[in-house]
């Protein structure tokens, strides 16, 4: 499963977004994570916002599945569970 990662611009981060991303990647090591680009298509997209606005745009990216948004470090466990569930559903 290929999961694109999109960070917000970081104008008002309330937690260490990079550390949260690394934690998710480490725990979900069976998923192929990549920073998004407009040329590729992703199974799912993880948007990592730094505050409740979670205003990072992502409409320009091609995603076959769904978009998962997080804007607080308390979302890490839910994101890991959601990604694992999607991977199991895909049969990988």
N, C-alpha and C. Protein backbone atom coordinates (compact mmCIF):
# COMPACT_ATOMS: atom_id res chain seq x y z
N UNK A 1 0.85 -1.17 0.00
CA UNK A 1 0.00 0.00 0.00
C UNK A 1 0.89 1.23 0.00
N UNK A 2 0.55 2.16 -0.85
CA UNK A 2 1.32 3.40 -0.96
C UNK A 2 0.53 4.55 -0.32
N UNK A 3 1.14 5.18 0.65
CA UNK A 3 0.50 6.28 1.38
C UNK A 3 1.32 7.55 1.20
N UNK A 4 0.70 8.55 0.60
CA UNK A 4 1.35 9.84 0.46
C UNK A 4 1.25 10.64 1.75
N UNK A 5 2.27 11.45 2.00
CA UNK A 5 2.28 12.31 3.19
C UNK A 5 2.35 13.76 2.74
N UNK A 6 1.43 14.56 3.26
CA UNK A 6 1.40 16.00 2.97
C UNK A 6 1.41 16.74 4.30
N UNK A 7 2.41 17.59 4.49
CA UNK A 7 2.49 18.43 5.69
C UNK A 7 1.87 19.79 5.40
N UNK A 8 1.33 20.40 6.44
CA UNK A 8 0.89 21.79 6.32
C UNK A 8 2.13 22.69 6.24
N UNK A 9 1.91 23.96 6.06
CA UNK A 9 3.02 24.89 5.94
C UNK A 9 3.73 25.21 7.24
N UNK A 10 3.14 24.84 8.36
CA UNK A 10 3.79 25.01 9.66
C UNK A 10 3.70 26.40 10.25
N UNK A 11 2.67 27.16 9.90
CA UNK A 11 2.58 28.53 10.43
C UNK A 11 2.22 28.57 11.91
N UNK A 12 1.56 27.53 12.43
CA UNK A 12 1.12 27.54 13.82
C UNK A 12 1.19 26.14 14.43
N UNK A 13 2.31 25.43 14.30
CA UNK A 13 2.35 24.05 14.80
C UNK A 13 2.30 24.00 16.32
N UNK A 14 1.50 23.07 16.81
CA UNK A 14 1.34 22.91 18.25
C UNK A 14 1.98 21.63 18.76
N UNK A 15 2.64 20.91 17.86
CA UNK A 15 3.36 19.69 18.23
C UNK A 15 4.41 19.44 17.15
N UNK A 16 5.30 18.51 17.40
CA UNK A 16 6.38 18.21 16.46
C UNK A 16 5.83 17.26 15.38
N UNK A 17 5.44 17.82 14.25
CA UNK A 17 4.81 17.06 13.17
C UNK A 17 5.75 16.02 12.58
N UNK A 18 7.00 16.37 12.40
CA UNK A 18 7.97 15.42 11.85
C UNK A 18 8.15 14.22 12.74
N UNK A 19 8.20 14.44 14.03
CA UNK A 19 8.34 13.33 14.97
C UNK A 19 7.10 12.44 14.94
N UNK A 20 5.93 13.04 14.85
CA UNK A 20 4.70 12.26 14.75
C UNK A 20 4.72 11.40 13.49
N UNK A 21 5.17 11.97 12.39
CA UNK A 21 5.26 11.24 11.13
C UNK A 21 6.24 10.07 11.25
N UNK A 22 7.39 10.32 11.81
CA UNK A 22 8.39 9.25 11.98
C UNK A 22 7.84 8.12 12.85
N UNK A 23 7.10 8.47 13.88
CA UNK A 23 6.51 7.46 14.76
C UNK A 23 5.51 6.60 13.99
N UNK A 24 4.66 7.22 13.21
CA UNK A 24 3.68 6.49 12.41
C UNK A 24 4.39 5.58 11.40
N UNK A 25 5.39 6.11 10.72
CA UNK A 25 6.13 5.32 9.74
C UNK A 25 6.82 4.12 10.39
N UNK A 26 7.38 4.33 11.56
CA UNK A 26 8.08 3.25 12.26
C UNK A 26 7.11 2.14 12.65
N UNK A 27 5.96 2.52 13.16
CA UNK A 27 4.98 1.54 13.62
C UNK A 27 4.23 0.87 12.46
N UNK A 28 4.17 1.52 11.32
CA UNK A 28 3.47 0.99 10.14
C UNK A 28 4.49 0.71 9.04
N UNK A 29 5.53 -0.01 9.38
CA UNK A 29 6.65 -0.19 8.46
C UNK A 29 6.32 -1.02 7.22
N UNK A 30 5.17 -1.68 7.21
CA UNK A 30 4.76 -2.45 6.05
C UNK A 30 4.12 -1.58 4.96
N UNK A 31 3.89 -0.32 5.27
CA UNK A 31 3.29 0.62 4.33
C UNK A 31 4.39 1.44 3.68
N UNK A 32 4.24 1.66 2.39
CA UNK A 32 5.20 2.46 1.62
C UNK A 32 4.79 3.93 1.71
N UNK A 33 5.45 4.69 2.57
CA UNK A 33 5.17 6.11 2.74
C UNK A 33 6.06 6.93 1.81
N UNK A 34 5.51 8.02 1.28
CA UNK A 34 6.29 8.91 0.43
C UNK A 34 5.70 10.31 0.52
N UNK A 35 6.57 11.31 0.48
CA UNK A 35 6.07 12.68 0.40
C UNK A 35 5.38 12.83 -0.94
N UNK A 36 4.23 13.47 -0.94
CA UNK A 36 3.40 13.52 -2.15
C UNK A 36 4.03 14.34 -3.26
N UNK A 37 3.71 13.95 -4.47
CA UNK A 37 3.99 14.77 -5.64
C UNK A 37 2.83 14.57 -6.61
N UNK A 38 2.68 15.47 -7.52
CA UNK A 38 1.51 15.48 -8.40
C UNK A 38 1.56 14.42 -9.49
N UNK A 39 2.70 13.80 -9.71
CA UNK A 39 2.82 12.80 -10.77
C UNK A 39 2.36 11.42 -10.34
N UNK A 40 2.43 11.10 -9.06
CA UNK A 40 2.11 9.75 -8.58
C UNK A 40 0.67 9.65 -8.10
N UNK A 41 0.20 8.42 -8.02
CA UNK A 41 -1.12 8.11 -7.46
C UNK A 41 -0.90 7.31 -6.19
N UNK A 42 -1.66 7.62 -5.17
CA UNK A 42 -1.50 7.00 -3.86
C UNK A 42 -2.75 6.22 -3.48
N UNK A 43 -2.56 5.16 -2.70
CA UNK A 43 -3.71 4.42 -2.19
C UNK A 43 -4.46 5.26 -1.17
N UNK A 44 -3.70 5.96 -0.34
CA UNK A 44 -4.27 6.84 0.68
C UNK A 44 -3.35 8.03 0.85
N UNK A 45 -3.88 9.09 1.44
CA UNK A 45 -3.11 10.30 1.69
C UNK A 45 -3.23 10.66 3.16
N UNK A 46 -2.09 10.91 3.80
CA UNK A 46 -2.06 11.36 5.19
C UNK A 46 -1.68 12.83 5.20
N UNK A 47 -2.60 13.66 5.66
CA UNK A 47 -2.37 15.10 5.77
C UNK A 47 -2.04 15.40 7.22
N UNK A 48 -0.83 15.92 7.45
CA UNK A 48 -0.38 16.21 8.81
C UNK A 48 -0.40 17.72 9.02
N UNK A 49 -1.43 18.18 9.72
CA UNK A 49 -1.55 19.59 10.04
C UNK A 49 -0.96 19.87 11.41
N UNK A 50 -0.60 21.10 11.65
CA UNK A 50 0.01 21.46 12.92
C UNK A 50 -0.96 22.03 13.94
N UNK A 51 -2.18 22.34 13.51
CA UNK A 51 -3.17 22.93 14.40
C UNK A 51 -4.56 22.50 13.94
N UNK A 52 -5.61 22.80 14.68
CA UNK A 52 -6.96 22.36 14.32
C UNK A 52 -7.45 22.86 12.95
N UNK A 53 -6.86 23.90 12.40
CA UNK A 53 -7.30 24.36 11.08
C UNK A 53 -7.01 23.31 10.01
N UNK A 54 -5.93 22.57 10.16
CA UNK A 54 -5.52 21.52 9.22
C UNK A 54 -5.82 21.97 7.78
N UNK A 55 -5.23 23.10 7.43
CA UNK A 55 -5.59 23.79 6.18
C UNK A 55 -4.73 23.42 4.98
N UNK A 56 -3.88 22.42 5.09
CA UNK A 56 -3.03 22.04 3.96
C UNK A 56 -3.90 21.59 2.79
N UNK A 57 -3.63 22.14 1.62
CA UNK A 57 -4.39 21.72 0.44
C UNK A 57 -3.85 20.39 -0.07
N UNK A 58 -4.74 19.58 -0.62
CA UNK A 58 -4.34 18.28 -1.13
C UNK A 58 -5.14 17.86 -2.36
N UNK A 59 -6.01 18.71 -2.84
CA UNK A 59 -6.88 18.38 -3.96
C UNK A 59 -6.11 18.10 -5.25
N UNK A 60 -4.89 18.60 -5.36
CA UNK A 60 -4.09 18.43 -6.56
C UNK A 60 -3.45 17.04 -6.67
N UNK A 61 -3.56 16.23 -5.64
CA UNK A 61 -2.93 14.92 -5.63
C UNK A 61 -3.93 13.83 -6.00
N UNK A 62 -3.43 12.78 -6.65
CA UNK A 62 -4.28 11.66 -7.07
C UNK A 62 -4.26 10.59 -5.98
N UNK A 63 -5.46 10.32 -5.45
CA UNK A 63 -5.60 9.36 -4.36
C UNK A 63 -6.76 8.42 -4.69
N UNK A 64 -6.46 7.12 -4.76
CA UNK A 64 -7.50 6.14 -5.05
C UNK A 64 -8.39 5.89 -3.84
N UNK A 65 -7.82 5.94 -2.66
CA UNK A 65 -8.55 5.69 -1.43
C UNK A 65 -9.00 6.98 -0.78
N UNK A 66 -8.82 7.03 0.51
CA UNK A 66 -9.29 8.20 1.24
C UNK A 66 -8.14 9.04 1.79
N UNK A 67 -8.54 10.18 2.32
CA UNK A 67 -7.61 11.13 2.92
C UNK A 67 -7.79 11.05 4.43
N UNK A 68 -6.68 10.87 5.14
CA UNK A 68 -6.69 10.82 6.60
C UNK A 68 -6.00 12.09 7.09
N UNK A 69 -6.70 12.84 7.93
CA UNK A 69 -6.14 14.09 8.45
C UNK A 69 -5.82 13.95 9.94
N UNK A 70 -4.72 14.57 10.33
CA UNK A 70 -4.40 14.68 11.75
C UNK A 70 -3.90 16.09 12.02
N UNK A 71 -4.17 16.61 13.20
CA UNK A 71 -3.73 17.96 13.55
C UNK A 71 -3.32 18.06 15.02
N UNK A 72 -3.13 16.90 15.63
CA UNK A 72 -2.73 16.88 17.03
C UNK A 72 -2.01 15.56 17.29
N UNK A 73 -1.04 15.56 18.17
CA UNK A 73 -0.30 14.33 18.45
C UNK A 73 -1.18 13.26 19.07
N UNK A 74 -2.31 13.66 19.64
CA UNK A 74 -3.23 12.66 20.20
C UNK A 74 -3.88 11.81 19.11
N UNK A 75 -3.73 12.20 17.84
CA UNK A 75 -4.30 11.45 16.72
C UNK A 75 -3.40 10.31 16.23
N UNK A 76 -2.19 10.23 16.72
CA UNK A 76 -1.22 9.27 16.20
C UNK A 76 -1.75 7.84 16.26
N UNK A 77 -2.26 7.42 17.38
CA UNK A 77 -2.75 6.04 17.51
C UNK A 77 -3.90 5.77 16.56
N UNK A 78 -4.83 6.71 16.44
CA UNK A 78 -5.97 6.52 15.53
C UNK A 78 -5.51 6.44 14.08
N UNK A 79 -4.51 7.23 13.72
CA UNK A 79 -3.97 7.19 12.36
C UNK A 79 -3.33 5.84 12.09
N UNK A 80 -2.53 5.35 13.03
CA UNK A 80 -1.89 4.04 12.87
C UNK A 80 -2.94 2.94 12.70
N UNK A 81 -3.98 2.98 13.51
CA UNK A 81 -5.04 1.98 13.42
C UNK A 81 -5.78 2.08 12.09
N UNK A 82 -6.06 3.29 11.65
CA UNK A 82 -6.77 3.48 10.38
C UNK A 82 -5.94 2.97 9.21
N UNK A 83 -4.66 3.26 9.20
CA UNK A 83 -3.80 2.79 8.12
C UNK A 83 -3.67 1.27 8.14
N UNK A 84 -3.52 0.68 9.31
CA UNK A 84 -3.43 -0.78 9.41
C UNK A 84 -4.71 -1.44 8.94
N UNK A 85 -5.84 -0.86 9.30
CA UNK A 85 -7.14 -1.39 8.88
C UNK A 85 -7.27 -1.34 7.36
N UNK A 86 -6.86 -0.24 6.76
CA UNK A 86 -6.95 -0.10 5.31
C UNK A 86 -6.01 -1.08 4.60
N UNK A 87 -4.86 -1.30 5.19
CA UNK A 87 -3.92 -2.23 4.58
C UNK A 87 -4.47 -3.66 4.64
N UNK A 88 -5.04 -4.03 5.75
CA UNK A 88 -5.62 -5.37 5.88
C UNK A 88 -6.79 -5.54 4.92
N UNK A 89 -7.59 -4.50 4.76
CA UNK A 89 -8.72 -4.56 3.83
C UNK A 89 -8.25 -4.73 2.39
N UNK A 90 -7.10 -4.16 2.10
CA UNK A 90 -6.54 -4.27 0.75
C UNK A 90 -5.90 -5.65 0.55
N UNK A 91 -5.66 -6.37 1.64
CA UNK A 91 -5.12 -7.71 1.55
C UNK A 91 -3.62 -7.78 1.42
N UNK A 92 -2.92 -6.77 1.89
CA UNK A 92 -1.44 -6.74 1.79
C UNK A 92 -0.82 -7.19 3.08
